[in-house]
Amino acid sequence: MKQRPLGSSGIQASVIGLGTWAIGGWMWGGAEERDSIRAVHAALEQGINLIDTAPVYGFGEAENVLGKALRDRRHKALLASKCGLIWNEERGELFFASDEQGPSEKGPLRVYRCLAPEAIRRDVEQTLKRLKTDYLDLLQTHWQDPTTPIGDVMMTLMALKQEGKIRAIGCCNATTRQMDEYVAAGQLDADQEPFSMLDRRHEKDNLPYCRDRHIAFLAYSPLARGLLTGAVTESRAFSEGDMRRADPLFGPEQRRRAAELLAAIRPVAEKHGLTSAQLALAWTAAQPGCTHVLAGARTARQAEENAKAGDVELGEEDLKLIREALDRLDAAPS
């Protein structure tokens, strides 16, 4: 498994990381704890050391499961979690309402974007307790809070770093202008954003920004929530509570377009002996500025398959063929 620097933090992290949104069950139709723990163990055994989670994933459930999985393996993992989404008080900016399955207008839980200093500290203490550890390798602001100045946020994060509670600082879902404010106030080590073959919105902004400033770029949803695995066929049905069930991005036309893309780039996958998912992960990791790719896994087999993408080297001709297929997809009427 290849490793790359996590910004200027001095930490070397696996190119492929384990994303744990689905392990929390929330918005994914539930999760089996035993399978999730096996997935974490399999990822570590395959050389994945970067594990990304967040308090809101299952409202603490993903972190609880990770704490159990890493009980005797904490030294093998680089734990990245987040702060800034709270549901225990009405403070900051209302983001969405939710129930235990997923966002719902009638849900009893009201989630706020809040990066007030005391809220960040409370998030960190609760996260450390759930993960059964006394430090995080990376703490990221999950969503940006317009009610708290970024300078105040960064001051709190830097203090936590000095106290030994965290080793590195990152942001998620941020603009380059917001990152300018982070950088002006302290050392920003990482930025986490959505990025995949089907979502390349950050090619012109965050990716070059991070590359030029030696900030790690962590790509989330690199498999487009399953569309790039080849398993989401036109007949695939999603279970109750799975966010994809009613998402227009998973309608028949989008599934067809994804299938056509995978068919077009299949020669590259076959050349390297890769599955569609492994090629999608390897391509994402090969993009200029992208340093790490966070892939979810609900089973040990999925974790093992994802890890194999961390050793793949795509050549110039491979990347050219894929780019041409993406350009055709962009040009085709939707």
C-alpha atoms as a PDB file:
ATOM      1  CA  MET A   1       0.000   0.000   0.000  1.00  0.00           C
ATOM      2  CA  LYS A   2       1.436   3.333  -1.066  1.00  0.00           C
ATOM      3  CA  GLN A   3       1.589   6.078   1.526  1.00  0.00           C
ATOM      4  CA  ARG A   4       1.640   9.841   1.099  1.00  0.00           C
ATOM      5  CA  PRO A   5       2.192  12.784   3.454  1.00  0.00           C
ATOM      6  CA  LEU A   6      -0.836  14.142   5.276  1.00  0.00           C
ATOM      7  CA  GLY A   7      -0.031  17.723   4.422  1.00  0.00           C
ATOM      8  CA  SER A   8       2.793  19.184   6.497  1.00  0.00           C
ATOM      9  CA  SER A   9       1.839  17.231   9.623  1.00  0.00           C
ATOM     10  CA  GLY A  10       4.693  14.737   9.341  1.00  0.00           C
ATOM     11  CA  ILE A  11       2.154  11.896   9.185  1.00  0.00           C
ATOM     12  CA  GLN A  12       2.357   9.320   6.386  1.00  0.00           C
ATOM     13  CA  ALA A  13      -1.071   7.888   5.545  1.00  0.00           C
ATOM     14  CA  SER A  14      -2.183   5.130   3.185  1.00  0.00           C
ATOM     15  CA  VAL A  15      -3.346   6.329  -0.231  1.00  0.00           C
ATOM     16  CA  ILE A  16      -6.551   4.345   0.198  1.00  0.00           C
ATOM     17  CA  GLY A  17      -8.379   5.128   3.417  1.00  0.00           C
ATOM     18  CA  LEU A  18     -11.400   3.502   5.013  1.00  0.00           C
ATOM     19  CA  GLY A  19     -14.520   5.679   5.134  1.00  0.00           C
ATOM     20  CA  THR A  20     -17.013   4.722   7.842  1.00  0.00           C
ATOM     21  CA  TRP A  21     -20.196   6.596   6.960  1.00  0.00           C
ATOM     22  CA  ALA A  22     -21.978   3.334   6.110  1.00  0.00           C
ATOM     23  CA  ILE A  23     -20.701   1.626   9.278  1.00  0.00           C
ATOM     24  CA  GLY A  24     -22.885   4.018  11.247  1.00  0.00           C
ATOM     25  CA  GLY A  25     -25.918   2.623   9.405  1.00  0.00           C
ATOM     26  CA  TRP A  26     -27.568   6.045   9.211  1.00  0.00           C
ATOM     27  CA  MET A  27     -28.668   6.847   5.648  1.00  0.00           C
ATOM     28  CA  TRP A  28     -27.419   3.442   4.452  1.00  0.00           C
ATOM     29  CA  GLY A  29     -30.262   1.211   5.589  1.00  0.00           C
ATOM     30  CA  GLY A  30     -28.516  -0.031   8.730  1.00  0.00           C
ATOM     31  CA  ALA A  31     -25.298  -1.962   9.317  1.00  0.00           C
ATOM     32  CA  GLU A  32     -24.227  -5.194  11.010  1.00  0.00           C
ATOM     33  CA  GLU A  33     -21.711  -4.470  13.765  1.00  0.00           C
ATOM     34  CA  ARG A  34     -19.899  -7.792  13.369  1.00  0.00           C
ATOM     35  CA  ASP A  35     -19.419  -7.246   9.634  1.00  0.00           C
ATOM     36  CA  SER A  36     -18.261  -3.674  10.230  1.00  0.00           C
ATOM     37  CA  ILE A  37     -15.611  -4.777  12.733  1.00  0.00           C
ATOM     38  CA  ARG A  38     -14.367  -7.424  10.332  1.00  0.00           C
ATOM     39  CA  ALA A  39     -14.162  -4.787   7.596  1.00  0.00           C
ATOM     40  CA  VAL A  40     -11.998  -2.568   9.822  1.00  0.00           C
ATOM     41  CA  HIS A  41      -9.696  -5.467  10.690  1.00  0.00           C
ATOM     42  CA  ALA A  42      -9.399  -6.495   7.038  1.00  0.00           C
ATOM     43  CA  ALA A  43      -8.528  -2.940   6.012  1.00  0.00           C
ATOM     44  CA  LEU A  44      -5.714  -2.786   8.573  1.00  0.00           C
ATOM     45  CA  GLU A  45      -4.391  -6.183   7.501  1.00  0.00           C
ATOM     46  CA  GLN A  46      -4.248  -4.979   3.882  1.00  0.00           C
ATOM     47  CA  GLY A  47      -2.177  -1.909   4.720  1.00  0.00           C
ATOM     48  CA  ILE A  48      -4.917   0.688   5.073  1.00  0.00           C
ATOM     49  CA  ASN A  49      -4.049   2.780   8.116  1.00  0.00           C
ATOM     50  CA  LEU A  50      -6.142   5.909   7.464  1.00  0.00           C
ATOM     51  CA  ILE A  51      -9.641   5.525   8.912  1.00  0.00           C
ATOM     52  CA  ASP A  52     -12.089   8.414   8.588  1.00  0.00           C
ATOM     53  CA  THR A  53     -15.222   8.803  10.695  1.00  0.00           C
ATOM     54  CA  ALA A  54     -17.494  11.481  12.199  1.00  0.00           C
ATOM     55  CA  PRO A  55     -19.801  11.877  15.209  1.00  0.00           C
ATOM     56  CA  VAL A  56     -22.864  12.313  12.995  1.00  0.00           C
ATOM     57  CA  TYR A  57     -22.357   8.927  11.289  1.00  0.00           C
ATOM     58  CA  GLY A  58     -25.141   7.090  13.056  1.00  0.00           C
ATOM     59  CA  PHE A  59     -25.104   9.785  15.755  1.00  0.00           C
ATOM     60  CA  GLY A  60     -22.114   8.222  17.458  1.00  0.00           C
ATOM     61  CA  GLU A  61     -22.613   4.651  16.252  1.00  0.00           C
ATOM     62  CA  ALA A  62     -19.755   4.580  13.725  1.00  0.00           C
ATOM     63  CA  GLU A  63     -17.318   5.876  16.324  1.00  0.00           C
ATOM     64  CA  ASN A  64     -18.594   3.366  18.891  1.00  0.00           C
ATOM     65  CA  VAL A  65     -18.077   0.486  16.462  1.00  0.00           C
ATOM     66  CA  LEU A  66     -14.614   1.746  15.565  1.00  0.00           C
ATOM     67  CA  GLY A  67     -13.723   1.946  19.250  1.00  0.00           C
ATOM     68  CA  LYS A  68     -14.581  -1.730  19.602  1.00  0.00           C
ATOM     69  CA  ALA A  69     -12.759  -2.701  16.406  1.00  0.00           C
ATOM     70  CA  LEU A  70      -9.573  -0.885  17.414  1.00  0.00           C
ATOM     71  CA  ARG A  71      -9.537  -2.000  21.034  1.00  0.00           C
ATOM     72  CA  ASP A  72      -6.210  -3.824  20.571  1.00  0.00           C
ATOM     73  CA  ARG A  73      -5.243  -2.239  17.238  1.00  0.00           C
ATOM     74  CA  ARG A  74      -5.172   1.507  17.908  1.00  0.00           C
ATOM     75  CA  HIS A  75      -1.436   1.623  17.188  1.00  0.00           C
ATOM     76  CA  LYS A  76      -2.064   0.414  13.639  1.00  0.00           C
ATOM     77  CA  ALA A  77      -4.557   3.124  12.737  1.00  0.00           C
ATOM     78  CA  LEU A  78      -4.487   6.802  11.871  1.00  0.00           C
ATOM     79  CA  LEU A  79      -7.830   8.001  13.175  1.00  0.00           C
ATOM     80  CA  ALA A  80      -9.477  10.953  11.468  1.00  0.00           C
ATOM     81  CA  SER A  81     -12.733  12.314  12.835  1.00  0.00           C
ATOM     82  CA  LYS A  82     -14.686  15.552  12.610  1.00  0.00           C
ATOM     83  CA  CYS A  83     -16.431  18.255  14.565  1.00  0.00           C
ATOM     84  CA  GLY A  84     -19.028  20.900  13.845  1.00  0.00           C
ATOM     85  CA  LEU A  85     -22.345  19.059  13.420  1.00  0.00           C
ATOM     86  CA  ILE A  86     -24.286  19.012  16.675  1.00  0.00           C
ATOM     87  CA  TRP A  87     -27.729  17.733  17.608  1.00  0.00           C
ATOM     88  CA  ASN A  88     -27.734  18.138  21.393  1.00  0.00           C
ATOM     89  CA  GLU A  89     -28.513  21.868  21.376  1.00  0.00           C
ATOM     90  CA  GLU A  90     -29.932  24.516  19.070  1.00  0.00           C
ATOM     91  CA  ARG A  91     -26.900  26.602  18.231  1.00  0.00           C
ATOM     92  CA  GLY A  92     -25.225  27.830  15.077  1.00  0.00           C
ATOM     93  CA  GLU A  93     -27.029  27.342  11.759  1.00  0.00           C
ATOM     94  CA  LEU A  94     -29.751  24.727  11.267  1.00  0.00           C
ATOM     95  CA  PHE A  95     -28.539  22.199   8.668  1.00  0.00           C
ATOM     96  CA  PHE A  96     -31.256  19.527   8.538  1.00  0.00           C
ATOM     97  CA  ALA A  97     -33.715  17.470  10.569  1.00  0.00           C
ATOM     98  CA  SER A  98     -33.308  13.719  10.798  1.00  0.00           C
ATOM     99  CA  ASP A  99     -34.515  10.493  12.325  1.00  0.00           C
ATOM    100  CA  GLU A 100     -32.389   7.401  12.996  1.00  0.00           C
ATOM    101  CA  GLN A 101     -32.557   6.322   9.337  1.00  0.00           C
ATOM    102  CA  GLY A 102     -31.740   9.566   7.590  1.00  0.00           C
ATOM    103  CA  PRO A 103     -32.679  13.207   7.004  1.00  0.00           C
ATOM    104  CA  SER A 104     -36.408  13.776   7.373  1.00  0.00           C
ATOM    105  CA  GLU A 105     -38.427  16.971   7.739  1.00  0.00           C
ATOM    106  CA  LYS A 106     -40.404  15.306  10.529  1.00  0.00           C
ATOM    107  CA  GLY A 107     -37.338  13.833  12.207  1.00  0.00           C
ATOM    108  CA  PRO A 108     -36.941  14.496  15.949  1.00  0.00           C
ATOM    109  CA  LEU A 109     -33.218  15.294  15.628  1.00  0.00           C
ATOM    110  CA  ARG A 110     -32.253  18.766  14.474  1.00  0.00           C
ATOM    111  CA  VAL A 111     -28.662  18.977  13.267  1.00  0.00           C
ATOM    112  CA  TYR A 112     -26.841  22.320  13.397  1.00  0.00           C
ATOM    113  CA  ARG A 113     -23.587  23.529  11.887  1.00  0.00           C
ATOM    114  CA  CYS A 114     -21.766  24.788  14.946  1.00  0.00           C
ATOM    115  CA  LEU A 115     -18.041  25.372  15.337  1.00  0.00           C
ATOM    116  CA  ALA A 116     -18.148  27.450  18.500  1.00  0.00           C
ATOM    117  CA  PRO A 117     -14.993  26.742  20.537  1.00  0.00           C
ATOM    118  CA  GLU A 118     -16.824  25.010  23.401  1.00  0.00           C
ATOM    119  CA  ALA A 119     -18.836  22.917  20.920  1.00  0.00           C
ATOM    120  CA  ILE A 120     -15.636  21.768  19.209  1.00  0.00           C
ATOM    121  CA  ARG A 121     -14.139  20.760  22.548  1.00  0.00           C
ATOM    122  CA  ARG A 122     -17.281  18.876  23.537  1.00  0.00           C
ATOM    123  CA  ASP A 123     -17.291  17.059  20.175  1.00  0.00           C
ATOM    124  CA  VAL A 124     -13.662  16.037  20.641  1.00  0.00           C
ATOM    125  CA  GLU A 125     -14.131  14.749  24.180  1.00  0.00           C
ATOM    126  CA  GLN A 126     -17.178  12.689  23.189  1.00  0.00           C
ATOM    127  CA  THR A 127     -15.377  11.349  20.112  1.00  0.00           C
ATOM    128  CA  LEU A 128     -12.338  10.311  22.146  1.00  0.00           C
ATOM    129  CA  LYS A 129     -14.598   8.513  24.613  1.00  0.00           C
ATOM    130  CA  ARG A 130     -16.458   6.630  21.866  1.00  0.00           C
ATOM    131  CA  LEU A 131     -13.236   5.701  20.066  1.00  0.00           C
ATOM    132  CA  LYS A 132     -11.593   4.650  23.351  1.00  0.00           C
ATOM    133  CA  THR A 133      -8.465   6.687  22.650  1.00  0.00           C
ATOM    134  CA  ASP A 134      -6.817   9.792  24.082  1.00  0.00           C
ATOM    135  CA  TYR A 135      -5.907  11.485  20.790  1.00  0.00           C
ATOM    136  CA  LEU A 136      -6.961  11.861  17.166  1.00  0.00           C
ATOM    137  CA  ASP A 137      -4.467  11.819  14.330  1.00  0.00           C
ATOM    138  CA  LEU A 138      -6.604  14.241  12.309  1.00  0.00           C
ATOM    139  CA  LEU A 139      -9.510  16.451  13.350  1.00  0.00           C
ATOM    140  CA  GLN A 140     -11.562  18.038  10.572  1.00  0.00           C
ATOM    141  CA  THR A 141     -14.336  20.612  10.604  1.00  0.00           C
ATOM    142  CA  HIS A 142     -17.181  18.679   9.001  1.00  0.00           C
ATOM    143  CA  TRP A 143     -19.194  21.550   7.517  1.00  0.00           C
ATOM    144  CA  GLN A 144     -18.391  25.229   7.749  1.00  0.00           C
ATOM    145  CA  ASP A 145     -20.356  27.307  10.252  1.00  0.00           C
ATOM    146  CA  PRO A 146     -21.160  30.858   9.075  1.00  0.00           C
ATOM    147  CA  THR A 147     -21.916  31.957  12.653  1.00  0.00           C
ATOM    148  CA  THR A 148     -18.359  31.395  13.973  1.00  0.00           C
ATOM    149  CA  PRO A 149     -15.284  33.180  12.526  1.00  0.00           C
ATOM    150  CA  ILE A 150     -12.786  30.724  11.066  1.00  0.00           C
ATOM    151  CA  GLY A 151     -10.015  32.487  12.972  1.00  0.00           C
ATOM    152  CA  ASP A 152     -11.739  31.496  16.240  1.00  0.00           C
ATOM    153  CA  VAL A 153     -12.202  27.953  14.967  1.00  0.00           C
ATOM    154  CA  MET A 154      -8.540  27.621  14.048  1.00  0.00           C
ATOM    155  CA  MET A 155      -7.434  29.051  17.393  1.00  0.00           C
ATOM    156  CA  THR A 156      -9.373  26.271  19.147  1.00  0.00           C
ATOM    157  CA  LEU A 157      -7.969  23.575  16.852  1.00  0.00           C
ATOM    158  CA  MET A 158      -4.410  24.793  17.352  1.00  0.00           C
ATOM    159  CA  ALA A 159      -4.933  24.761  21.130  1.00  0.00           C
ATOM    160  CA  LEU A 160      -6.178  21.154  20.958  1.00  0.00           C
ATOM    161  CA  LYS A 161      -3.064  20.284  18.981  1.00  0.00           C
ATOM    162  CA  GLN A 162      -0.798  21.883  21.590  1.00  0.00           C
ATOM    163  CA  GLU A 163      -2.625  19.923  24.271  1.00  0.00           C
ATOM    164  CA  GLY A 164      -1.937  16.641  22.453  1.00  0.00           C
ATOM    165  CA  LYS A 165      -5.608  15.889  21.769  1.00  0.00           C
ATOM    166  CA  ILE A 166      -5.051  16.022  17.983  1.00  0.00           C
ATOM    167  CA  ARG A 167      -2.013  15.688  15.717  1.00  0.00           C
ATOM    168  CA  ALA A 168      -3.237  17.395  12.533  1.00  0.00           C
ATOM    169  CA  ILE A 169      -5.949  19.805  11.402  1.00  0.00           C
ATOM    170  CA  GLY A 170      -8.259  19.581   8.413  1.00  0.00           C
ATOM    171  CA  CYS A 171     -11.463  21.002   6.959  1.00  0.00           C
ATOM    172  CA  CYS A 172     -14.234  19.464   4.884  1.00  0.00           C
ATOM    173  CA  ASN A 173     -16.742  20.902   2.450  1.00  0.00           C
ATOM    174  CA  ALA A 174     -14.864  24.196   2.317  1.00  0.00           C
ATOM    175  CA  THR A 175     -14.202  26.773  -0.381  1.00  0.00           C
ATOM    176  CA  THR A 176     -10.728  28.000  -1.264  1.00  0.00           C
ATOM    177  CA  ARG A 177     -11.626  31.341   0.293  1.00  0.00           C
ATOM    178  CA  GLN A 178     -12.479  29.601   3.557  1.00  0.00           C
ATOM    179  CA  MET A 179      -9.225  27.665   3.371  1.00  0.00           C
ATOM    180  CA  ASP A 180      -7.398  30.977   2.968  1.00  0.00           C
ATOM    181  CA  GLU A 181      -8.835  31.955   6.351  1.00  0.00           C
ATOM    182  CA  TYR A 182      -7.703  28.678   7.932  1.00  0.00           C
ATOM    183  CA  VAL A 183      -4.196  29.035   6.506  1.00  0.00           C
ATOM    184  CA  ALA A 184      -3.947  32.633   7.706  1.00  0.00           C
ATOM    185  CA  ALA A 185      -4.695  31.520  11.271  1.00  0.00           C
ATOM    186  CA  GLY A 186      -2.615  28.344  11.564  1.00  0.00           C
ATOM    187  CA  GLN A 187      -1.401  25.149   9.897  1.00  0.00           C
ATOM    188  CA  LEU A 188      -4.027  23.455   7.725  1.00  0.00           C
ATOM    189  CA  ASP A 189      -2.981  19.901   6.876  1.00  0.00           C
ATOM    190  CA  ALA A 190      -5.930  18.480   4.935  1.00  0.00           C
ATOM    191  CA  ASP A 191      -9.086  19.225   2.982  1.00  0.00           C
ATOM    192  CA  GLN A 192     -11.779  16.593   2.423  1.00  0.00           C
ATOM    193  CA  GLU A 193     -14.193  16.985  -0.481  1.00  0.00           C
ATOM    194  CA  PRO A 194     -16.411  14.843  -2.732  1.00  0.00           C
ATOM    195  CA  PHE A 195     -14.504  13.721  -5.813  1.00  0.00           C
ATOM    196  CA  SER A 196     -14.939  10.891  -8.302  1.00  0.00           C
ATOM    197  CA  MET A 197     -15.157  10.162 -12.012  1.00  0.00           C
ATOM    198  CA  LEU A 198     -18.783  11.297 -11.827  1.00  0.00           C
ATOM    199  CA  ASP A 199     -18.161  14.333  -9.626  1.00  0.00           C
ATOM    200  CA  ARG A 200     -15.145  16.357 -10.726  1.00  0.00           C
ATOM    201  CA  ARG A 201     -16.298  19.769  -9.520  1.00  0.00           C
ATOM    202  CA  HIS A 202     -13.083  20.392  -7.551  1.00  0.00           C
ATOM    203  CA  GLU A 203     -10.648  19.901 -10.438  1.00  0.00           C
ATOM    204  CA  LYS A 204     -10.441  23.652 -10.974  1.00  0.00           C
ATOM    205  CA  ASP A 205     -10.460  24.914  -7.388  1.00  0.00           C
ATOM    206  CA  ASN A 206      -9.699  22.829  -4.292  1.00  0.00           C
ATOM    207  CA  LEU A 207      -7.415  20.275  -5.964  1.00  0.00           C
ATOM    208  CA  PRO A 208      -4.907  22.786  -7.397  1.00  0.00           C
ATOM    209  CA  TYR A 209      -5.199  24.901  -4.247  1.00  0.00           C
ATOM    210  CA  CYS A 210      -4.173  21.957  -2.068  1.00  0.00           C
ATOM    211  CA  ARG A 211      -1.461  20.796  -4.465  1.00  0.00           C
ATOM    212  CA  ASP A 212       0.183  24.220  -4.586  1.00  0.00           C
ATOM    213  CA  ARG A 213       0.149  24.596  -0.786  1.00  0.00           C
ATOM    214  CA  HIS A 214       1.141  21.049   0.176  1.00  0.00           C
ATOM    215  CA  ILE A 215      -2.241  20.395   1.800  1.00  0.00           C
ATOM    216  CA  ALA A 216      -3.516  16.821   1.635  1.00  0.00           C
ATOM    217  CA  PHE A 217      -6.707  16.333  -0.380  1.00  0.00           C
ATOM    218  CA  LEU A 218      -8.935  13.511   0.856  1.00  0.00           C
ATOM    219  CA  ALA A 219     -11.532  12.441  -1.719  1.00  0.00           C
ATOM    220  CA  TYR A 220     -14.813  11.162  -0.312  1.00  0.00           C
ATOM    221  CA  SER A 221     -17.512   9.280  -2.234  1.00  0.00           C
ATOM    222  CA  PRO A 222     -14.913   8.187  -4.853  1.00  0.00           C
ATOM    223  CA  LEU A 223     -17.236   5.389  -5.966  1.00  0.00           C
ATOM    224  CA  ALA A 224     -20.222   7.762  -6.273  1.00  0.00           C
ATOM    225  CA  ARG A 225     -21.995   5.853  -3.495  1.00  0.00           C
ATOM    226  CA  GLY A 226     -21.793   2.639  -5.499  1.00  0.00           C
ATOM    227  CA  LEU A 227     -22.512   3.844  -9.047  1.00  0.00           C
ATOM    228  CA  LEU A 228     -18.897   3.181 -10.063  1.00  0.00           C
ATOM    229  CA  THR A 229     -18.758  -0.344  -8.673  1.00  0.00           C
ATOM    230  CA  GLY A 230     -20.848  -1.876 -11.454  1.00  0.00           C
ATOM    231  CA  ALA A 231     -23.183  -3.343  -8.826  1.00  0.00           C
ATOM    232  CA  VAL A 232     -25.876  -0.659  -9.166  1.00  0.00           C
ATOM    233  CA  THR A 233     -27.677  -2.046 -12.183  1.00  0.00           C
ATOM    234  CA  GLU A 234     -30.984  -0.712 -13.512  1.00  0.00           C
ATOM    235  CA  SER A 235     -32.824  -3.433 -11.567  1.00  0.00           C
ATOM    236  CA  ARG A 236     -30.984  -2.861  -8.255  1.00  0.00           C
ATOM    237  CA  ALA A 237     -33.381  -2.014  -5.413  1.00  0.00           C
ATOM    238  CA  PHE A 238     -32.306  -0.239  -2.231  1.00  0.00           C
ATOM    239  CA  SER A 239     -33.599  -1.076   1.235  1.00  0.00           C
ATOM    240  CA  GLU A 240     -35.737   1.127   3.458  1.00  0.00           C
ATOM    241  CA  GLY A 241     -33.615   3.848   5.034  1.00  0.00           C
ATOM    242  CA  ASP A 242     -31.009   3.813   2.247  1.00  0.00           C
ATOM    243  CA  MET A 243     -30.601   7.388   1.010  1.00  0.00           C
ATOM    244  CA  ARG A 244     -30.126   6.153  -2.561  1.00  0.00           C
ATOM    245  CA  ARG A 245     -33.673   4.793  -2.695  1.00  0.00           C
ATOM    246  CA  ALA A 246     -35.256   8.166  -3.512  1.00  0.00           C
ATOM    247  CA  ASP A 247     -32.191  10.043  -4.775  1.00  0.00           C
ATOM    248  CA  PRO A 248     -32.635  11.238  -8.391  1.00  0.00           C
ATOM    249  CA  LEU A 249     -28.895  10.667  -8.919  1.00  0.00           C
ATOM    250  CA  PHE A 250     -29.730   6.964  -8.806  1.00  0.00           C
ATOM    251  CA  GLY A 251     -32.528   7.150 -11.342  1.00  0.00           C
ATOM    252  CA  PRO A 252     -32.543   4.945 -14.465  1.00  0.00           C
ATOM    253  CA  GLU A 253     -30.803   7.508 -16.688  1.00  0.00           C
ATOM    254  CA  GLN A 254     -27.937   8.091 -14.250  1.00  0.00           C
ATOM    255  CA  ARG A 255     -27.460   4.357 -13.788  1.00  0.00           C
ATOM    256  CA  ARG A 256     -27.339   3.945 -17.553  1.00  0.00           C
ATOM    257  CA  ARG A 257     -24.728   6.694 -17.943  1.00  0.00           C
ATOM    258  CA  ALA A 258     -22.567   5.156 -15.230  1.00  0.00           C
ATOM    259  CA  ALA A 259     -22.819   1.752 -16.900  1.00  0.00           C
ATOM    260  CA  GLU A 260     -21.772   3.238 -20.251  1.00  0.00           C
ATOM    261  CA  LEU A 261     -18.750   4.882 -18.643  1.00  0.00           C
ATOM    262  CA  LEU A 262     -17.675   1.652 -16.977  1.00  0.00           C
ATOM    263  CA  ALA A 263     -18.036  -0.199 -20.277  1.00  0.00           C
ATOM    264  CA  ALA A 264     -15.884   2.411 -22.037  1.00  0.00           C
ATOM    265  CA  ILE A 265     -13.029   2.123 -19.537  1.00  0.00           C
ATOM    266  CA  ARG A 266     -13.254  -1.647 -19.072  1.00  0.00           C
ATOM    267  CA  PRO A 267     -10.184  -2.245 -21.292  1.00  0.00           C
ATOM    268  CA  VAL A 268      -8.056  -0.373 -18.747  1.00  0.00           C
ATOM    269  CA  ALA A 269      -9.519  -2.390 -15.869  1.00  0.00           C
ATOM    270  CA  GLU A 270      -8.903  -5.662 -17.718  1.00  0.00           C
ATOM    271  CA  LYS A 271      -5.358  -4.634 -18.639  1.00  0.00           C
ATOM    272  CA  HIS A 272      -4.497  -4.233 -14.943  1.00  0.00           C
ATOM    273  CA  GLY A 273      -6.699  -7.056 -13.652  1.00  0.00           C
ATOM    274  CA  LEU A 274      -8.930  -4.654 -11.739  1.00  0.00           C
ATOM    275  CA  THR A 275     -12.603  -4.467 -10.913  1.00  0.00           C
ATOM    276  CA  SER A 276     -14.550  -1.362 -11.898  1.00  0.00           C
ATOM    277  CA  ALA A 277     -14.379  -0.120  -8.309  1.00  0.00           C
ATOM    278  CA  GLN A 278     -10.628  -0.636  -8.045  1.00  0.00           C
ATOM    279  CA  LEU A 279     -10.038   1.260 -11.288  1.00  0.00           C
ATOM    280  CA  ALA A 280     -12.245   4.142 -10.083  1.00  0.00           C
ATOM    281  CA  LEU A 281     -10.248   4.354  -6.850  1.00  0.00           C
ATOM    282  CA  ALA A 282      -6.890   4.140  -8.629  1.00  0.00           C
ATOM    283  CA  TRP A 283      -7.930   6.838 -11.112  1.00  0.00           C
ATOM    284  CA  THR A 284      -9.028   9.137  -8.295  1.00  0.00           C
ATOM    285  CA  ALA A 285      -5.713   8.664  -6.462  1.00  0.00           C
ATOM    286  CA  ALA A 286      -3.835   9.460  -9.698  1.00  0.00           C
ATOM    287  CA  GLN A 287      -5.412  12.899 -10.168  1.00  0.00           C
ATOM    288  CA  PRO A 288      -3.092  15.885  -9.602  1.00  0.00           C
ATOM    289  CA  GLY A 289      -3.542  17.197  -6.083  1.00  0.00           C
ATOM    290  CA  CYS A 290      -5.493  14.216  -4.774  1.00  0.00           C
ATOM    291  CA  THR A 291      -3.409  12.524  -2.087  1.00  0.00           C
ATOM    292  CA  HIS A 292      -5.829  10.125  -0.374  1.00  0.00           C
ATOM    293  CA  VAL A 293      -9.037   8.331  -1.345  1.00  0.00           C
ATOM    294  CA  LEU A 294     -11.626   7.353   1.278  1.00  0.00           C
ATOM    295  CA  ALA A 295     -13.545   4.247   0.274  1.00  0.00           C
ATOM    296  CA  GLY A 296     -16.359   2.815   2.352  1.00  0.00           C
ATOM    297  CA  ALA A 297     -16.544  -0.895   3.146  1.00  0.00           C
ATOM    298  CA  ARG A 298     -19.289  -2.792   4.940  1.00  0.00           C
ATOM    299  CA  THR A 299     -17.619  -6.202   4.701  1.00  0.00           C
ATOM    300  CA  ALA A 300     -14.105  -7.604   4.931  1.00  0.00           C
ATOM    301  CA  ARG A 301     -14.206  -8.543   1.257  1.00  0.00           C
ATOM    302  CA  GLN A 302     -15.008  -4.985   0.207  1.00  0.00           C
ATOM    303  CA  ALA A 303     -12.160  -3.646   2.353  1.00  0.00           C
ATOM    304  CA  GLU A 304      -9.711  -6.120   0.836  1.00  0.00           C
ATOM    305  CA  GLU A 305     -10.790  -5.253  -2.711  1.00  0.00           C
ATOM    306  CA  ASN A 306     -10.519  -1.513  -2.064  1.00  0.00           C
ATOM    307  CA  ALA A 307      -7.027  -1.890  -0.636  1.00  0.00           C
ATOM    308  CA  LYS A 308      -5.698  -3.425  -3.855  1.00  0.00           C
ATOM    309  CA  ALA A 309      -6.245  -0.093  -5.613  1.00  0.00           C
ATOM    310  CA  GLY A 310      -3.526   1.402  -3.427  1.00  0.00           C
ATOM    311  CA  ASP A 311      -0.789  -0.394  -5.343  1.00  0.00           C
ATOM    312  CA  VAL A 312      -1.997   0.392  -8.863  1.00  0.00           C
ATOM    313  CA  GLU A 313       0.062   2.582 -11.207  1.00  0.00           C
ATOM    314  CA  LEU A 314      -1.935   3.860 -14.175  1.00  0.00           C
ATOM    315  CA  GLY A 315       0.093   4.890 -17.214  1.00  0.00           C
ATOM    316  CA  GLU A 316      -0.357   7.946 -19.401  1.00  0.00           C
ATOM    317  CA  GLU A 317      -2.268   5.975 -22.023  1.00  0.00           C
ATOM    318  CA  ASP A 318      -4.602   4.580 -19.357  1.00  0.00           C
ATOM    319  CA  LEU A 319      -5.349   8.030 -18.013  1.00  0.00           C
ATOM    320  CA  LYS A 320      -5.836   9.412 -21.530  1.00  0.00           C
ATOM    321  CA  LEU A 321      -8.373   6.708 -22.417  1.00  0.00           C
ATOM    322  CA  ILE A 322     -10.301   7.343 -19.212  1.00  0.00           C
ATOM    323  CA  ARG A 323     -10.251  11.116 -19.702  1.00  0.00           C
ATOM    324  CA  GLU A 324     -11.591  10.739 -23.234  1.00  0.00           C
ATOM    325  CA  ALA A 325     -14.423   8.559 -21.909  1.00  0.00           C
ATOM    326  CA  LEU A 326     -15.225  11.177 -19.260  1.00  0.00           C
ATOM    327  CA  ASP A 327     -15.221  13.940 -21.868  1.00  0.00           C
ATOM    328  CA  ARG A 328     -17.687  11.951 -23.992  1.00  0.00           C
ATOM    329  CA  LEU A 329     -19.884  11.458 -20.954  1.00  0.00           C
ATOM    330  CA  ASP A 330     -19.868  15.190 -20.264  1.00  0.00           C
ATOM    331  CA  ALA A 331     -20.715  15.984 -23.871  1.00  0.00           C
ATOM    332  CA  ALA A 332     -23.598  13.504 -24.110  1.00  0.00           C
ATOM    333  CA  PRO A 333     -27.130  14.835 -23.471  1.00  0.00           C
ATOM    334  CA  SER A 334     -28.469  13.854 -20.046  1.00  0.00           C
END
